[in-house]
Amino acid sequence: MSIDKETVRKVAKLARLAVPEERLEPLAAELSGILGWIEQLNEVDVEGVEAMTSTVDVTLPMREDNLATDYTGGKRARDIVANAPKTEDHFFVVPKVVE
């Protein structure tokens, strides 16, 4: 599969990336090369090959969530927001983004 300059321009716009005009052609070539490698990988016969590792059904060790064992004791709110431009009652104040 080959990617052209217009496809790169469209993908960059969708991803909200500013890509200079002179970088579109080299980027198209790079992405086409990556897709070429993916097509090669799709040709590999993996029938009967057992997966070596998986991220599914992995149980990680859990610890109890306990403030008493926290090194701060939960009393660092003032320090955490100390450099924030605007705070209120130890919370960050940010502009509203959803109406």
C-alpha atoms as a PDB file:
ATOM      1  CA  MET A   1       0.000   0.000   0.000  1.00  0.00           C
ATOM      2  CA  SER A   2       1.333   3.395  -0.930  1.00  0.00           C
ATOM      3  CA  ILE A   3       0.504   6.643   0.851  1.00  0.00           C
ATOM      4  CA  ASP A   4       0.488   9.875  -1.115  1.00  0.00           C
ATOM      5  CA  LYS A   5       1.034  13.472  -0.071  1.00  0.00           C
ATOM      6  CA  GLU A   6      -2.700  14.219   0.109  1.00  0.00           C
ATOM      7  CA  THR A   7      -3.308  11.301   2.497  1.00  0.00           C
ATOM      8  CA  VAL A   8      -0.528  12.540   4.778  1.00  0.00           C
ATOM      9  CA  ARG A   9      -2.039  16.041   4.686  1.00  0.00           C
ATOM     10  CA  LYS A  10      -5.482  14.625   5.610  1.00  0.00           C
ATOM     11  CA  VAL A  11      -4.135  12.450   8.446  1.00  0.00           C
ATOM     12  CA  ALA A  12      -2.088  15.357   9.806  1.00  0.00           C
ATOM     13  CA  LYS A  13      -5.189  17.559   9.792  1.00  0.00           C
ATOM     14  CA  LEU A  14      -7.238  14.884  11.577  1.00  0.00           C
ATOM     15  CA  ALA A  15      -4.466  14.483  14.164  1.00  0.00           C
ATOM     16  CA  ARG A  16      -4.216  18.276  14.444  1.00  0.00           C
ATOM     17  CA  LEU A  17      -0.537  18.207  13.515  1.00  0.00           C
ATOM     18  CA  ALA A  18       1.125  21.101  11.730  1.00  0.00           C
ATOM     19  CA  VAL A  19       3.212  19.482   9.011  1.00  0.00           C
ATOM     20  CA  PRO A  20       5.129  21.853   6.710  1.00  0.00           C
ATOM     21  CA  GLU A  21       4.540  21.392   2.986  1.00  0.00           C
ATOM     22  CA  GLU A  22       8.154  20.319   2.359  1.00  0.00           C
ATOM     23  CA  ARG A  23       7.816  17.463   4.907  1.00  0.00           C
ATOM     24  CA  LEU A  24       4.689  15.913   3.322  1.00  0.00           C
ATOM     25  CA  GLU A  25       6.482  13.994   0.571  1.00  0.00           C
ATOM     26  CA  PRO A  26       9.234  12.508   2.819  1.00  0.00           C
ATOM     27  CA  LEU A  27       6.627  11.642   5.444  1.00  0.00           C
ATOM     28  CA  ALA A  28       4.518   9.882   2.803  1.00  0.00           C
ATOM     29  CA  ALA A  29       7.559   7.794   1.825  1.00  0.00           C
ATOM     30  CA  GLU A  30       8.276   6.903   5.473  1.00  0.00           C
ATOM     31  CA  LEU A  31       4.684   5.879   6.145  1.00  0.00           C
ATOM     32  CA  SER A  32       4.566   3.825   2.938  1.00  0.00           C
ATOM     33  CA  GLY A  33       7.697   2.015   4.081  1.00  0.00           C
ATOM     34  CA  ILE A  34       6.131   1.256   7.457  1.00  0.00           C
ATOM     35  CA  LEU A  35       3.000  -0.107   5.784  1.00  0.00           C
ATOM     36  CA  GLY A  36       5.235  -2.225   3.531  1.00  0.00           C
ATOM     37  CA  TRP A  37       6.799  -3.850   6.606  1.00  0.00           C
ATOM     38  CA  ILE A  38       3.320  -4.489   8.036  1.00  0.00           C
ATOM     39  CA  GLU A  39       2.277  -6.155   4.775  1.00  0.00           C
ATOM     40  CA  GLN A  40       5.379  -8.371   4.995  1.00  0.00           C
ATOM     41  CA  LEU A  41       4.455  -9.349   8.552  1.00  0.00           C
ATOM     42  CA  ASN A  42       0.942 -10.266   7.413  1.00  0.00           C
ATOM     43  CA  GLU A  43       2.490 -12.768   4.964  1.00  0.00           C
ATOM     44  CA  VAL A  44       4.238 -14.718   7.737  1.00  0.00           C
ATOM     45  CA  ASP A  45       2.599 -18.085   8.455  1.00  0.00           C
ATOM     46  CA  VAL A  46       1.971 -18.243  12.202  1.00  0.00           C
ATOM     47  CA  GLU A  47      -0.451 -21.136  12.112  1.00  0.00           C
ATOM     48  CA  GLY A  48       0.170 -23.397  15.107  1.00  0.00           C
ATOM     49  CA  VAL A  49       2.667 -21.026  16.724  1.00  0.00           C
ATOM     50  CA  GLU A  50       1.830 -20.494  20.365  1.00  0.00           C
ATOM     51  CA  ALA A  51       2.095 -16.975  21.700  1.00  0.00           C
ATOM     52  CA  MET A  52       5.123 -16.428  23.904  1.00  0.00           C
ATOM     53  CA  THR A  53       3.443 -13.840  26.088  1.00  0.00           C
ATOM     54  CA  SER A  54       0.099 -12.143  26.424  1.00  0.00           C
ATOM     55  CA  THR A  55      -1.369  -9.124  28.139  1.00  0.00           C
ATOM     56  CA  VAL A  56      -4.709 -10.852  28.516  1.00  0.00           C
ATOM     57  CA  ASP A  57      -5.494 -12.767  31.702  1.00  0.00           C
ATOM     58  CA  VAL A  58      -2.474 -11.385  33.543  1.00  0.00           C
ATOM     59  CA  THR A  59      -3.074 -10.859  37.237  1.00  0.00           C
ATOM     60  CA  LEU A  60      -0.861  -8.256  38.814  1.00  0.00           C
ATOM     61  CA  PRO A  61      -0.079  -8.252  42.524  1.00  0.00           C
ATOM     62  CA  MET A  62      -2.270  -5.780  44.374  1.00  0.00           C
ATOM     63  CA  ARG A  63      -1.560  -3.946  47.598  1.00  0.00           C
ATOM     64  CA  GLU A  64      -4.033  -2.524  50.025  1.00  0.00           C
ATOM     65  CA  ASP A  65      -4.696   1.165  49.455  1.00  0.00           C
ATOM     66  CA  ASN A  66      -4.000   2.649  52.854  1.00  0.00           C
ATOM     67  CA  LEU A  67      -3.251   6.288  53.734  1.00  0.00           C
ATOM     68  CA  ALA A  68      -1.536   5.217  56.941  1.00  0.00           C
ATOM     69  CA  THR A  69       1.223   3.549  54.894  1.00  0.00           C
ATOM     70  CA  ASP A  70       1.516   6.486  52.488  1.00  0.00           C
ATOM     71  CA  TYR A  71       4.775   8.333  53.116  1.00  0.00           C
ATOM     72  CA  THR A  72       2.956  11.680  53.195  1.00  0.00           C
ATOM     73  CA  GLY A  73      -0.015  10.641  55.280  1.00  0.00           C
ATOM     74  CA  GLY A  74      -2.211  12.460  52.764  1.00  0.00           C
ATOM     75  CA  LYS A  75      -1.173  15.891  54.042  1.00  0.00           C
ATOM     76  CA  ARG A  76       0.680  17.310  51.018  1.00  0.00           C
ATOM     77  CA  ALA A  77      -2.199  19.072  49.247  1.00  0.00           C
ATOM     78  CA  ARG A  78      -0.811  22.542  49.988  1.00  0.00           C
ATOM     79  CA  ASP A  79       2.641  21.566  48.649  1.00  0.00           C
ATOM     80  CA  ILE A  80       1.167  19.997  45.520  1.00  0.00           C
ATOM     81  CA  VAL A  81      -0.792  23.094  44.456  1.00  0.00           C
ATOM     82  CA  ALA A  82       1.836  25.600  45.634  1.00  0.00           C
ATOM     83  CA  ASN A  83       3.008  26.459  42.096  1.00  0.00           C
ATOM     84  CA  ALA A  84      -0.409  26.361  40.429  1.00  0.00           C
ATOM     85  CA  PRO A  85      -1.514  29.652  38.881  1.00  0.00           C
ATOM     86  CA  LYS A  86      -4.954  29.424  40.506  1.00  0.00           C
ATOM     87  CA  THR A  87      -6.217  27.258  43.380  1.00  0.00           C
ATOM     88  CA  GLU A  88      -9.195  27.027  45.686  1.00  0.00           C
ATOM     89  CA  ASP A  89      -9.321  24.937  48.889  1.00  0.00           C
ATOM     90  CA  HIS A  90      -6.213  22.919  47.826  1.00  0.00           C
ATOM     91  CA  PHE A  91      -7.705  22.147  44.381  1.00  0.00           C
ATOM     92  CA  PHE A  92      -6.495  23.265  40.966  1.00  0.00           C
ATOM     93  CA  VAL A  93      -8.806  25.808  39.294  1.00  0.00           C
ATOM     94  CA  VAL A  94      -8.992  25.291  35.528  1.00  0.00           C
ATOM     95  CA  PRO A  95     -11.094  26.842  32.758  1.00  0.00           C
ATOM     96  CA  LYS A  96     -14.408  25.206  31.969  1.00  0.00           C
ATOM     97  CA  VAL A  97     -14.095  23.012  28.861  1.00  0.00           C
ATOM     98  CA  VAL A  98     -17.541  21.402  28.660  1.00  0.00           C
ATOM     99  CA  GLU A  99     -20.707  23.439  28.483  1.00  0.00           C
END
